[in-house]
Amino acid sequence: MLRPLSLIALAIALCAGFALPSDAGSRRGVRAYAPPLKDCTRVNGRFGYYGNPWCSPAEQRAWDRAQARRFR
């Protein structure tokens, strides 16, 4: 009676020890950088380049860097 129980306990311990978490080896959702907080897409108007009047220069630089990383 004791031997089958110990074998079952051993089998459960081995299965639990070799089981990997579902995200082991997967780096799909991990970002090395934070995305910019605002969409600072540059605007081309009727008479040329207008820029984006709603973004500060720092926000525009962050957006441009994020887009450059995205399209690499």
PDB file of N, CA and C in Angstrom:
ATOM      1  N   MET A   1       0.826  -1.196   0.000  1.00  0.00           N
ATOM      2  CA  MET A   1       0.000   0.000   0.000  1.00  0.00           C
ATOM      3  C   MET A   1       0.869   1.259   0.000  1.00  0.00           C
ATOM      4  N   LEU A   2       1.936   1.231   0.747  1.00  0.00           N
ATOM      5  CA  LEU A   2       2.799   2.401   0.846  1.00  0.00           C
ATOM      6  C   LEU A   2       3.630   2.606  -0.418  1.00  0.00           C
ATOM      7  N   ARG A   3       4.011   1.537  -1.060  1.00  0.00           N
ATOM      8  CA  ARG A   3       4.849   1.626  -2.259  1.00  0.00           C
ATOM      9  C   ARG A   3       4.117   2.317  -3.422  1.00  0.00           C
ATOM     10  N   PRO A   4       2.882   1.963  -3.758  1.00  0.00           N
ATOM     11  CA  PRO A   4       2.193   2.659  -4.857  1.00  0.00           C
ATOM     12  C   PRO A   4       1.996   4.147  -4.567  1.00  0.00           C
ATOM     13  N   LEU A   5       1.719   4.490  -3.309  1.00  0.00           N
ATOM     14  CA  LEU A   5       1.543   5.903  -2.965  1.00  0.00           C
ATOM     15  C   LEU A   5       2.844   6.678  -3.119  1.00  0.00           C
ATOM     16  N   SER A   6       3.948   6.045  -2.722  1.00  0.00           N
ATOM     17  CA  SER A   6       5.229   6.729  -2.860  1.00  0.00           C
ATOM     18  C   SER A   6       5.610   6.881  -4.332  1.00  0.00           C
ATOM     19  N   LEU A   7       5.267   5.904  -5.162  1.00  0.00           N
ATOM     20  CA  LEU A   7       5.529   6.017  -6.602  1.00  0.00           C
ATOM     21  C   LEU A   7       4.679   7.120  -7.241  1.00  0.00           C
ATOM     22  N   ILE A   8       3.450   7.216  -6.828  1.00  0.00           N
ATOM     23  CA  ILE A   8       2.573   8.278  -7.339  1.00  0.00           C
ATOM     24  C   ILE A   8       3.103   9.648  -6.908  1.00  0.00           C
ATOM     25  N   ALA A   9       3.527   9.763  -5.666  1.00  0.00           N
ATOM     26  CA  ALA A   9       4.076  11.029  -5.172  1.00  0.00           C
ATOM     27  C   ALA A   9       5.353  11.401  -5.917  1.00  0.00           C
ATOM     28  N   LEU A  10       6.183  10.406  -6.192  1.00  0.00           N
ATOM     29  CA  LEU A  10       7.408  10.634  -6.942  1.00  0.00           C
ATOM     30  C   LEU A  10       7.100  11.079  -8.372  1.00  0.00           C
ATOM     31  N   ALA A  11       6.126  10.450  -9.002  1.00  0.00           N
ATOM     32  CA  ALA A  11       5.735  10.821 -10.368  1.00  0.00           C
ATOM     33  C   ALA A  11       5.195  12.251 -10.420  1.00  0.00           C
ATOM     34  N   ILE A  12       4.398  12.622  -9.438  1.00  0.00           N
ATOM     35  CA  ILE A  12       3.857  13.995  -9.392  1.00  0.00           C
ATOM     36  C   ILE A  12       4.983  14.998  -9.187  1.00  0.00           C
ATOM     37  N   ALA A  13       5.927  14.678  -8.318  1.00  0.00           N
ATOM     38  CA  ALA A  13       7.053  15.585  -8.063  1.00  0.00           C
ATOM     39  C   ALA A  13       7.910  15.753  -9.313  1.00  0.00           C
ATOM     40  N   LEU A  14       8.145  14.658 -10.034  1.00  0.00           N
ATOM     41  CA  LEU A  14       8.941  14.749 -11.263  1.00  0.00           C
ATOM     42  C   LEU A  14       8.225  15.560 -12.340  1.00  0.00           C
ATOM     43  N   CYS A  15       6.932  15.354 -12.484  1.00  0.00           N
ATOM     44  CA  CYS A  15       6.160  16.115 -13.479  1.00  0.00           C
ATOM     45  C   CYS A  15       6.157  17.604 -13.141  1.00  0.00           C
ATOM     46  N   ALA A  16       5.994  17.911 -11.879  1.00  0.00           N
ATOM     47  CA  ALA A  16       5.979  19.315 -11.473  1.00  0.00           C
ATOM     48  C   ALA A  16       7.359  19.944 -11.630  1.00  0.00           C
ATOM     49  N   GLY A  17       8.397  19.172 -11.432  1.00  0.00           N
ATOM     50  CA  GLY A  17       9.750  19.697 -11.557  1.00  0.00           C
ATOM     51  C   GLY A  17      10.153  19.968 -12.994  1.00  0.00           C
ATOM     52  N   PHE A  18       9.664  19.173 -13.933  1.00  0.00           N
ATOM     53  CA  PHE A  18      10.031  19.349 -15.340  1.00  0.00           C
ATOM     54  C   PHE A  18       9.082  20.253 -16.106  1.00  0.00           C
ATOM     55  N   ALA A  19       7.957  20.568 -15.535  1.00  0.00           N
ATOM     56  CA  ALA A  19       6.993  21.424 -16.221  1.00  0.00           C
ATOM     57  C   ALA A  19       7.534  22.858 -16.279  1.00  0.00           C
ATOM     58  N   LEU A  20       7.398  23.479 -17.440  1.00  0.00           N
ATOM     59  CA  LEU A  20       7.854  24.856 -17.618  1.00  0.00           C
ATOM     60  C   LEU A  20       6.667  25.801 -17.584  1.00  0.00           C
ATOM     61  N   PRO A  21       6.884  27.002 -17.121  1.00  0.00           N
ATOM     62  CA  PRO A  21       5.800  27.977 -17.188  1.00  0.00           C
ATOM     63  C   PRO A  21       5.419  28.232 -18.648  1.00  0.00           C
ATOM     64  N   SER A  22       4.208  28.712 -18.867  1.00  0.00           N
ATOM     65  CA  SER A  22       3.724  28.900 -20.239  1.00  0.00           C
ATOM     66  C   SER A  22       4.511  29.960 -20.999  1.00  0.00           C
ATOM     67  N   ASP A  23       5.121  30.904 -20.302  1.00  0.00           N
ATOM     68  CA  ASP A  23       5.860  31.959 -20.997  1.00  0.00           C
ATOM     69  C   ASP A  23       7.372  31.716 -20.992  1.00  0.00           C
ATOM     70  N   ALA A  24       7.821  30.532 -20.621  1.00  0.00           N
ATOM     71  CA  ALA A  24       9.253  30.250 -20.586  1.00  0.00           C
ATOM     72  C   ALA A  24       9.812  30.248 -22.004  1.00  0.00           C
ATOM     73  N   GLY A  25      10.842  31.029 -22.226  1.00  0.00           N
ATOM     74  CA  GLY A  25      11.462  31.097 -23.535  1.00  0.00           C
ATOM     75  C   GLY A  25      10.772  32.037 -24.493  1.00  0.00           C
ATOM     76  N   SER A  26       9.663  32.584 -24.135  1.00  0.00           N
ATOM     77  CA  SER A  26       8.938  33.499 -25.007  1.00  0.00           C
ATOM     78  C   SER A  26       9.230  34.932 -24.599  1.00  0.00           C
ATOM     79  N   ARG A  27       9.718  35.738 -25.530  1.00  0.00           N
ATOM     80  CA  ARG A  27      10.006  37.143 -25.229  1.00  0.00           C
ATOM     81  C   ARG A  27       9.155  38.038 -26.113  1.00  0.00           C
ATOM     82  N   ARG A  28       8.021  37.534 -26.547  1.00  0.00           N
ATOM     83  CA  ARG A  28       7.192  38.253 -27.495  1.00  0.00           C
ATOM     84  C   ARG A  28       6.614  39.551 -26.927  1.00  0.00           C
ATOM     85  N   GLY A  29       6.110  39.539 -25.710  1.00  0.00           N
ATOM     86  CA  GLY A  29       5.446  40.699 -25.156  1.00  0.00           C
ATOM     87  C   GLY A  29       6.356  41.635 -24.371  1.00  0.00           C
ATOM     88  N   VAL A  30       7.648  41.382 -24.350  1.00  0.00           N
ATOM     89  CA  VAL A  30       8.564  42.182 -23.543  1.00  0.00           C
ATOM     90  C   VAL A  30       9.161  43.289 -24.401  1.00  0.00           C
ATOM     91  N   ARG A  31       9.051  44.521 -23.950  1.00  0.00           N
ATOM     92  CA  ARG A  31       9.629  45.654 -24.665  1.00  0.00           C
ATOM     93  C   ARG A  31      10.869  46.145 -23.935  1.00  0.00           C
ATOM     94  N   ALA A  32      11.856  46.535 -24.700  1.00  0.00           N
ATOM     95  CA  ALA A  32      13.077  47.062 -24.110  1.00  0.00           C
ATOM     96  C   ALA A  32      12.942  48.562 -23.848  1.00  0.00           C
ATOM     97  N   TYR A  33      11.904  49.174 -24.363  1.00  0.00           N
ATOM     98  CA  TYR A  33      11.701  50.614 -24.211  1.00  0.00           C
ATOM     99  C   TYR A  33      10.211  50.887 -24.046  1.00  0.00           C
ATOM    100  N   ALA A  34       9.897  51.998 -23.442  1.00  0.00           N
ATOM    101  CA  ALA A  34       8.501  52.378 -23.278  1.00  0.00           C
ATOM    102  C   ALA A  34       8.026  53.114 -24.529  1.00  0.00           C
ATOM    103  N   PRO A  35       6.814  52.858 -24.979  1.00  0.00           N
ATOM    104  CA  PRO A  35       6.315  53.581 -26.148  1.00  0.00           C
ATOM    105  C   PRO A  35       6.043  55.039 -25.786  1.00  0.00           C
ATOM    106  N   PRO A  36       6.097  55.938 -26.754  1.00  0.00           N
ATOM    107  CA  PRO A  36       5.797  57.342 -26.446  1.00  0.00           C
ATOM    108  C   PRO A  36       4.333  57.484 -26.003  1.00  0.00           C
ATOM    109  N   LEU A  37       4.088  58.479 -25.196  1.00  0.00           N
ATOM    110  CA  LEU A  37       2.752  58.653 -24.639  1.00  0.00           C
ATOM    111  C   LEU A  37       1.777  59.278 -25.625  1.00  0.00           C
ATOM    112  N   LYS A  38       2.297  59.983 -26.610  1.00  0.00           N
ATOM    113  CA  LYS A  38       1.453  60.755 -27.501  1.00  0.00           C
ATOM    114  C   LYS A  38       1.768  60.442 -28.958  1.00  0.00           C
ATOM    115  N   ASP A  39       0.768  60.494 -29.820  1.00  0.00           N
ATOM    116  CA  ASP A  39       0.974  60.315 -31.248  1.00  0.00           C
ATOM    117  C   ASP A  39       1.364  61.665 -31.843  1.00  0.00           C
ATOM    118  N   CYS A  40       2.620  61.781 -32.213  1.00  0.00           N
ATOM    119  CA  CYS A  40       3.133  63.041 -32.767  1.00  0.00           C
ATOM    120  C   CYS A  40       3.466  62.889 -34.252  1.00  0.00           C
ATOM    121  N   THR A  41       2.555  62.276 -34.995  1.00  0.00           N
ATOM    122  CA  THR A  41       2.775  62.102 -36.431  1.00  0.00           C
ATOM    123  C   THR A  41       2.885  63.469 -37.085  1.00  0.00           C
ATOM    124  N   ARG A  42       3.888  63.616 -37.922  1.00  0.00           N
ATOM    125  CA  ARG A  42       4.090  64.899 -38.603  1.00  0.00           C
ATOM    126  C   ARG A  42       3.012  65.097 -39.662  1.00  0.00           C
ATOM    127  N   VAL A  43       2.602  66.338 -39.849  1.00  0.00           N
ATOM    128  CA  VAL A  43       1.510  66.660 -40.753  1.00  0.00           C
ATOM    129  C   VAL A  43       2.049  67.389 -41.978  1.00  0.00           C
ATOM    130  N   ASN A  44       1.729  66.894 -43.147  1.00  0.00           N
ATOM    131  CA  ASN A  44       2.034  67.610 -44.390  1.00  0.00           C
ATOM    132  C   ASN A  44       0.744  68.241 -44.870  1.00  0.00           C
ATOM    133  N   GLY A  45       0.770  69.539 -45.012  1.00  0.00           N
ATOM    134  CA  GLY A  45      -0.433  70.259 -45.398  1.00  0.00           C
ATOM    135  C   GLY A  45      -0.441  70.623 -46.864  1.00  0.00           C
ATOM    136  N   ARG A  46      -1.361  71.478 -47.201  1.00  0.00           N
ATOM    137  CA  ARG A  46      -1.571  71.883 -48.589  1.00  0.00           C
ATOM    138  C   ARG A  46      -0.396  72.663 -49.159  1.00  0.00           C
ATOM    139  N   PHE A  47       0.234  73.475 -48.317  1.00  0.00           N
ATOM    140  CA  PHE A  47       1.329  74.331 -48.784  1.00  0.00           C
ATOM    141  C   PHE A  47       2.681  73.899 -48.230  1.00  0.00           C
ATOM    142  N   GLY A  48       2.844  72.628 -47.887  1.00  0.00           N
ATOM    143  CA  GLY A  48       4.133  72.152 -47.396  1.00  0.00           C
ATOM    144  C   GLY A  48       4.035  71.515 -46.021  1.00  0.00           C
ATOM    145  N   TYR A  49       5.177  71.409 -45.377  1.00  0.00           N
ATOM    146  CA  TYR A  49       5.277  70.726 -44.090  1.00  0.00           C
ATOM    147  C   TYR A  49       4.819  71.639 -42.965  1.00  0.00           C
ATOM    148  N   TYR A  50       3.908  71.152 -42.143  1.00  0.00           N
ATOM    149  CA  TYR A  50       3.401  71.935 -41.017  1.00  0.00           C
ATOM    150  C   TYR A  50       3.908  71.454 -39.671  1.00  0.00           C
ATOM    151  N   GLY A  51       4.456  70.246 -39.588  1.00  0.00           N
ATOM    152  CA  GLY A  51       4.843  69.716 -38.283  1.00  0.00           C
ATOM    153  C   GLY A  51       3.605  69.288 -37.522  1.00  0.00           C
ATOM    154  N   ASN A  52       3.715  69.189 -36.234  1.00  0.00           N
ATOM    155  CA  ASN A  52       2.572  68.847 -35.402  1.00  0.00           C
ATOM    156  C   ASN A  52       2.485  69.891 -34.288  1.00  0.00           C
ATOM    157  N   PRO A  53       1.519  70.784 -34.360  1.00  0.00           N
ATOM    158  CA  PRO A  53       1.447  71.877 -33.388  1.00  0.00           C
ATOM    159  C   PRO A  53       1.089  71.432 -31.975  1.00  0.00           C
ATOM    160  N   TRP A  54       0.623  70.199 -31.791  1.00  0.00           N
ATOM    161  CA  TRP A  54       0.188  69.754 -30.474  1.00  0.00           C
ATOM    162  C   TRP A  54       1.284  69.041 -29.690  1.00  0.00           C
ATOM    163  N   CYS A  55       2.471  68.903 -30.282  1.00  0.00           N
ATOM    164  CA  CYS A  55       3.562  68.193 -29.608  1.00  0.00           C
ATOM    165  C   CYS A  55       4.726  69.131 -29.314  1.00  0.00           C
ATOM    166  N   SER A  56       5.310  68.960 -28.137  1.00  0.00           N
ATOM    167  CA  SER A  56       6.510  69.713 -27.796  1.00  0.00           C
ATOM    168  C   SER A  56       7.695  69.100 -28.550  1.00  0.00           C
ATOM    169  N   PRO A  57       8.818  69.806 -28.651  1.00  0.00           N
ATOM    170  CA  PRO A  57       9.982  69.220 -29.326  1.00  0.00           C
ATOM    171  C   PRO A  57      10.460  67.910 -28.686  1.00  0.00           C
ATOM    172  N   ALA A  58      10.396  67.798 -27.373  1.00  0.00           N
ATOM    173  CA  ALA A  58      10.810  66.557 -26.700  1.00  0.00           C
ATOM    174  C   ALA A  58       9.866  65.407 -27.060  1.00  0.00           C
ATOM    175  N   GLU A  59       8.560  65.678 -27.095  1.00  0.00           N
ATOM    176  CA  GLU A  59       7.601  64.643 -27.474  1.00  0.00           C
ATOM    177  C   GLU A  59       7.803  64.226 -28.936  1.00  0.00           C
ATOM    178  N   GLN A  60       8.107  65.206 -29.787  1.00  0.00           N
ATOM    179  CA  GLN A  60       8.332  64.908 -31.203  1.00  0.00           C
ATOM    180  C   GLN A  60       9.567  64.026 -31.380  1.00  0.00           C
ATOM    181  N   ARG A  61      10.647  64.317 -30.634  1.00  0.00           N
ATOM    182  CA  ARG A  61      11.853  63.488 -30.717  1.00  0.00           C
ATOM    183  C   ARG A  61      11.579  62.063 -30.243  1.00  0.00           C
ATOM    184  N   ALA A  62      10.818  61.927 -29.146  1.00  0.00           N
ATOM    185  CA  ALA A  62      10.487  60.594 -28.632  1.00  0.00           C
ATOM    186  C   ALA A  62       9.666  59.817 -29.659  1.00  0.00           C
ATOM    187  N   TRP A  63       8.728  60.490 -30.305  1.00  0.00           N
ATOM    188  CA  TRP A  63       7.902  59.840 -31.326  1.00  0.00           C
ATOM    189  C   TRP A  63       8.755  59.421 -32.528  1.00  0.00           C
ATOM    190  N   ASP A  64       9.654  60.303 -32.956  1.00  0.00           N
ATOM    191  CA  ASP A  64      10.510  59.985 -34.100  1.00  0.00           C
ATOM    192  C   ASP A  64      11.431  58.801 -33.802  1.00  0.00           C
ATOM    193  N   ARG A  65      11.976  58.734 -32.585  1.00  0.00           N
ATOM    194  CA  ARG A  65      12.826  57.600 -32.211  1.00  0.00           C
ATOM    195  C   ARG A  65      12.028  56.300 -32.186  1.00  0.00           C
ATOM    196  N   ALA A  66      10.803  56.361 -31.659  1.00  0.00           N
ATOM    197  CA  ALA A  66       9.964  55.158 -31.599  1.00  0.00           C
ATOM    198  C   ALA A  66       9.611  54.681 -33.002  1.00  0.00           C
ATOM    199  N   GLN A  67       9.328  55.605 -33.903  1.00  0.00           N
ATOM    200  CA  GLN A  67       9.000  55.215 -35.280  1.00  0.00           C
ATOM    201  C   GLN A  67      10.217  54.637 -35.992  1.00  0.00           C
ATOM    202  N   ALA A  68      11.393  55.196 -35.730  1.00  0.00           N
ATOM    203  CA  ALA A  68      12.620  54.674 -36.342  1.00  0.00           C
ATOM    204  C   ALA A  68      12.879  53.255 -35.858  1.00  0.00           C
ATOM    205  N   ARG A  69      12.657  52.970 -34.568  1.00  0.00           N
ATOM    206  CA  ARG A  69      12.838  51.617 -34.038  1.00  0.00           C
ATOM    207  C   ARG A  69      11.804  50.666 -34.641  1.00  0.00           C
ATOM    208  N   ARG A  70      10.588  51.158 -34.829  1.00  0.00           N
ATOM    209  CA  ARG A  70       9.509  50.326 -35.334  1.00  0.00           C
ATOM    210  C   ARG A  70       9.754  49.900 -36.782  1.00  0.00           C
ATOM    211  N   PHE A  71      10.307  50.775 -37.597  1.00  0.00           N
ATOM    212  CA  PHE A  71      10.481  50.492 -39.020  1.00  0.00           C
ATOM    213  C   PHE A  71      11.864  49.970 -39.374  1.00  0.00           C
ATOM    214  N   ARG A  72      12.682  49.660 -38.373  1.00  0.00           N
ATOM    215  CA  ARG A  72      14.014  49.095 -38.643  1.00  0.00           C
ATOM    216  C   ARG A  72      13.935  47.731 -39.226  1.00  0.00           C
TER     217      ARG A  72
END
